[in-house]
Amino acid sequence: MCEKKLDYSKVRGRIVEKYKTISNFAMKSGIRAEQFTDAFNGRRAFTSLEIMQICEMLKIPDDEIKLYFFTDET
């Protein structure tokens, strides 16, 4: 379990904006939908390789990665 809860609402919104559903994105990325669910619910952290792949697929600029993956939930 992750020590602190992170806010993934921006990445989730970007996925839905570009791929309509998390499931669609999961199929295209090769990352299981359950892994997204676990990360979004704080049961696991995204790996650095997953973050790089997600950012590439969603065209998230390097200088915005922190906003999508490392913002504390309030």
N, C-alpha and C. Protein backbone atom coordinates (compact mmCIF):
# COMPACT_ATOMS: atom_id res chain seq x y z
N MET A 1 0.84 -1.17 0.00
CA MET A 1 0.00 0.00 0.00
C MET A 1 0.89 1.24 0.00
N CYS A 2 0.48 2.27 -0.71
CA CYS A 2 1.24 3.51 -0.78
C CYS A 2 1.14 4.25 0.55
N GLU A 3 2.21 4.93 0.94
CA GLU A 3 2.21 5.66 2.21
C GLU A 3 1.27 6.85 2.18
N LYS A 4 1.34 7.65 1.13
CA LYS A 4 0.42 8.78 1.05
C LYS A 4 -0.45 8.64 -0.19
N LYS A 5 -1.62 9.17 -0.10
CA LYS A 5 -2.59 9.06 -1.18
C LYS A 5 -2.31 10.16 -2.20
N LEU A 6 -2.16 9.75 -3.45
CA LEU A 6 -1.90 10.71 -4.52
C LEU A 6 -3.17 10.93 -5.33
N ASP A 7 -3.27 12.10 -5.89
CA ASP A 7 -4.44 12.49 -6.68
C ASP A 7 -4.16 12.20 -8.15
N TYR A 8 -4.82 11.19 -8.68
CA TYR A 8 -4.65 10.82 -10.09
C TYR A 8 -5.80 11.30 -10.97
N SER A 9 -6.58 12.27 -10.49
CA SER A 9 -7.74 12.72 -11.25
C SER A 9 -7.35 13.32 -12.61
N LYS A 10 -6.21 14.00 -12.68
CA LYS A 10 -5.79 14.58 -13.96
C LYS A 10 -5.43 13.49 -14.97
N VAL A 11 -4.71 12.47 -14.55
CA VAL A 11 -4.34 11.40 -15.48
C VAL A 11 -5.58 10.61 -15.88
N ARG A 12 -6.45 10.36 -14.91
CA ARG A 12 -7.70 9.65 -15.22
C ARG A 12 -8.54 10.44 -16.23
N GLY A 13 -8.65 11.74 -16.03
CA GLY A 13 -9.40 12.60 -16.95
C GLY A 13 -8.79 12.61 -18.34
N ARG A 14 -7.47 12.66 -18.41
CA ARG A 14 -6.78 12.66 -19.71
C ARG A 14 -7.00 11.34 -20.45
N ILE A 15 -6.98 10.23 -19.70
CA ILE A 15 -7.23 8.92 -20.31
C ILE A 15 -8.63 8.88 -20.91
N VAL A 16 -9.61 9.31 -20.14
CA VAL A 16 -11.00 9.30 -20.62
C VAL A 16 -11.19 10.25 -21.80
N GLU A 17 -10.53 11.39 -21.75
CA GLU A 17 -10.61 12.37 -22.83
C GLU A 17 -10.09 11.78 -24.14
N LYS A 18 -8.99 11.04 -24.08
CA LYS A 18 -8.35 10.54 -25.30
C LYS A 18 -8.78 9.13 -25.70
N TYR A 19 -9.17 8.30 -24.72
CA TYR A 19 -9.47 6.89 -25.01
C TYR A 19 -10.88 6.46 -24.59
N LYS A 20 -11.66 7.36 -24.05
CA LYS A 20 -13.05 7.15 -23.62
C LYS A 20 -13.19 6.34 -22.34
N THR A 21 -12.42 5.28 -22.16
CA THR A 21 -12.50 4.49 -20.92
C THR A 21 -11.11 4.03 -20.50
N ILE A 22 -10.99 3.71 -19.21
CA ILE A 22 -9.75 3.16 -18.68
C ILE A 22 -9.48 1.81 -19.35
N SER A 23 -10.53 1.02 -19.57
CA SER A 23 -10.38 -0.29 -20.21
C SER A 23 -9.78 -0.17 -21.60
N ASN A 24 -10.28 0.78 -22.40
CA ASN A 24 -9.72 1.00 -23.75
C ASN A 24 -8.24 1.33 -23.67
N PHE A 25 -7.90 2.24 -22.76
CA PHE A 25 -6.51 2.65 -22.61
C PHE A 25 -5.66 1.47 -22.14
N ALA A 26 -6.18 0.69 -21.21
CA ALA A 26 -5.44 -0.47 -20.70
C ALA A 26 -5.13 -1.45 -21.82
N MET A 27 -6.10 -1.72 -22.68
CA MET A 27 -5.87 -2.64 -23.80
C MET A 27 -4.78 -2.12 -24.72
N LYS A 28 -4.80 -0.83 -25.01
CA LYS A 28 -3.80 -0.23 -25.91
C LYS A 28 -2.42 -0.17 -25.26
N SER A 29 -2.38 0.01 -23.95
CA SER A 29 -1.10 0.19 -23.27
C SER A 29 -0.45 -1.14 -22.88
N GLY A 30 -1.27 -2.18 -22.74
CA GLY A 30 -0.73 -3.45 -22.27
C GLY A 30 -0.64 -3.52 -20.75
N ILE A 31 -1.11 -2.48 -20.08
CA ILE A 31 -1.17 -2.46 -18.62
C ILE A 31 -2.58 -2.92 -18.24
N ARG A 32 -2.67 -3.90 -17.37
CA ARG A 32 -3.99 -4.43 -17.00
C ARG A 32 -4.85 -3.36 -16.33
N ALA A 33 -6.14 -3.36 -16.63
CA ALA A 33 -7.07 -2.40 -16.04
C ALA A 33 -7.04 -2.48 -14.51
N GLU A 34 -6.84 -3.69 -13.97
CA GLU A 34 -6.78 -3.86 -12.52
C GLU A 34 -5.61 -3.10 -11.91
N GLN A 35 -4.52 -3.00 -12.67
CA GLN A 35 -3.36 -2.25 -12.17
C GLN A 35 -3.69 -0.77 -12.05
N PHE A 36 -4.46 -0.25 -13.03
CA PHE A 36 -4.90 1.15 -12.94
C PHE A 36 -5.81 1.33 -11.74
N THR A 37 -6.76 0.44 -11.57
CA THR A 37 -7.70 0.53 -10.45
C THR A 37 -6.95 0.50 -9.12
N ASP A 38 -6.00 -0.41 -9.00
CA ASP A 38 -5.22 -0.50 -7.76
C ASP A 38 -4.42 0.78 -7.50
N ALA A 39 -3.82 1.33 -8.54
CA ALA A 39 -3.05 2.57 -8.38
C ALA A 39 -3.97 3.74 -8.04
N PHE A 40 -5.08 3.87 -8.75
CA PHE A 40 -6.01 4.96 -8.49
C PHE A 40 -6.58 4.89 -7.08
N ASN A 41 -6.69 3.69 -6.52
CA ASN A 41 -7.24 3.51 -5.18
C ASN A 41 -6.17 3.43 -4.10
N GLY A 42 -4.91 3.67 -4.45
CA GLY A 42 -3.83 3.73 -3.47
C GLY A 42 -3.32 2.38 -3.00
N ARG A 43 -3.68 1.30 -3.68
CA ARG A 43 -3.21 -0.02 -3.27
C ARG A 43 -1.85 -0.37 -3.87
N ARG A 44 -1.41 0.39 -4.85
CA ARG A 44 -0.09 0.21 -5.45
C ARG A 44 0.33 1.54 -6.06
N ALA A 45 1.60 1.66 -6.35
CA ALA A 45 2.11 2.85 -7.03
C ALA A 45 2.38 2.50 -8.49
N PHE A 46 2.25 3.48 -9.36
CA PHE A 46 2.67 3.27 -10.74
C PHE A 46 4.19 3.12 -10.76
N THR A 47 4.69 2.22 -11.60
CA THR A 47 6.13 2.09 -11.75
C THR A 47 6.63 3.22 -12.65
N SER A 48 7.93 3.46 -12.62
CA SER A 48 8.49 4.51 -13.48
C SER A 48 8.29 4.16 -14.95
N LEU A 49 8.38 2.89 -15.30
CA LEU A 49 8.15 2.49 -16.70
C LEU A 49 6.71 2.72 -17.11
N GLU A 50 5.77 2.44 -16.20
CA GLU A 50 4.35 2.69 -16.51
C GLU A 50 4.11 4.19 -16.70
N ILE A 51 4.70 4.99 -15.83
CA ILE A 51 4.53 6.45 -15.95
C ILE A 51 5.09 6.94 -17.28
N MET A 52 6.26 6.46 -17.66
CA MET A 52 6.84 6.88 -18.94
C MET A 52 5.93 6.48 -20.11
N GLN A 53 5.41 5.26 -20.09
CA GLN A 53 4.55 4.77 -21.15
C GLN A 53 3.24 5.57 -21.20
N ILE A 54 2.64 5.79 -20.05
CA ILE A 54 1.39 6.54 -19.98
C ILE A 54 1.60 7.96 -20.50
N CYS A 55 2.68 8.60 -20.07
CA CYS A 55 2.96 9.97 -20.53
C CYS A 55 3.17 10.03 -22.03
N GLU A 56 3.84 9.04 -22.57
CA GLU A 56 4.06 9.00 -24.01
C GLU A 56 2.73 8.84 -24.76
N MET A 57 1.91 7.91 -24.30
CA MET A 57 0.64 7.66 -24.98
C MET A 57 -0.32 8.83 -24.85
N LEU A 58 -0.29 9.53 -23.71
CA LEU A 58 -1.20 10.65 -23.48
C LEU A 58 -0.59 11.99 -23.86
N LYS A 59 0.66 11.96 -24.33
CA LYS A 59 1.38 13.17 -24.73
C LYS A 59 1.43 14.20 -23.58
N ILE A 60 1.80 13.69 -22.42
CA ILE A 60 1.98 14.55 -21.26
C ILE A 60 3.42 15.05 -21.27
N PRO A 61 3.62 16.37 -21.32
CA PRO A 61 4.98 16.92 -21.35
C PRO A 61 5.74 16.61 -20.06
N ASP A 62 7.04 16.47 -20.17
CA ASP A 62 7.89 16.16 -19.02
C ASP A 62 7.66 17.12 -17.86
N ASP A 63 7.49 18.40 -18.16
CA ASP A 63 7.35 19.38 -17.08
C ASP A 63 5.98 19.34 -16.40
N GLU A 64 5.08 18.47 -16.87
CA GLU A 64 3.76 18.33 -16.24
C GLU A 64 3.56 16.98 -15.54
N ILE A 65 4.58 16.11 -15.58
CA ILE A 65 4.45 14.77 -14.99
C ILE A 65 4.07 14.86 -13.51
N LYS A 66 4.67 15.79 -12.79
CA LYS A 66 4.36 15.93 -11.36
C LYS A 66 2.88 16.22 -11.14
N LEU A 67 2.29 17.03 -11.98
CA LEU A 67 0.87 17.37 -11.83
C LEU A 67 -0.03 16.14 -12.00
N TYR A 68 0.37 15.23 -12.86
CA TYR A 68 -0.45 14.05 -13.16
C TYR A 68 -0.21 12.89 -12.19
N PHE A 69 1.01 12.75 -11.68
CA PHE A 69 1.36 11.55 -10.92
C PHE A 69 1.84 11.79 -9.48
N PHE A 70 2.19 13.00 -9.13
CA PHE A 70 2.80 13.22 -7.81
C PHE A 70 2.18 14.37 -7.04
N THR A 71 0.89 14.59 -7.25
CA THR A 71 0.17 15.60 -6.50
C THR A 71 -0.57 14.91 -5.36
N ASP A 72 -0.36 15.41 -4.14
CA ASP A 72 -1.03 14.81 -2.98
C ASP A 72 -2.53 15.05 -3.08
N GLU A 73 -3.28 14.02 -2.65
CA GLU A 73 -4.73 14.16 -2.59
C GLU A 73 -5.06 15.06 -1.40
N THR A 74 -6.00 15.95 -1.60
CA THR A 74 -6.35 16.86 -0.49
C THR A 74 -7.65 16.45 0.15
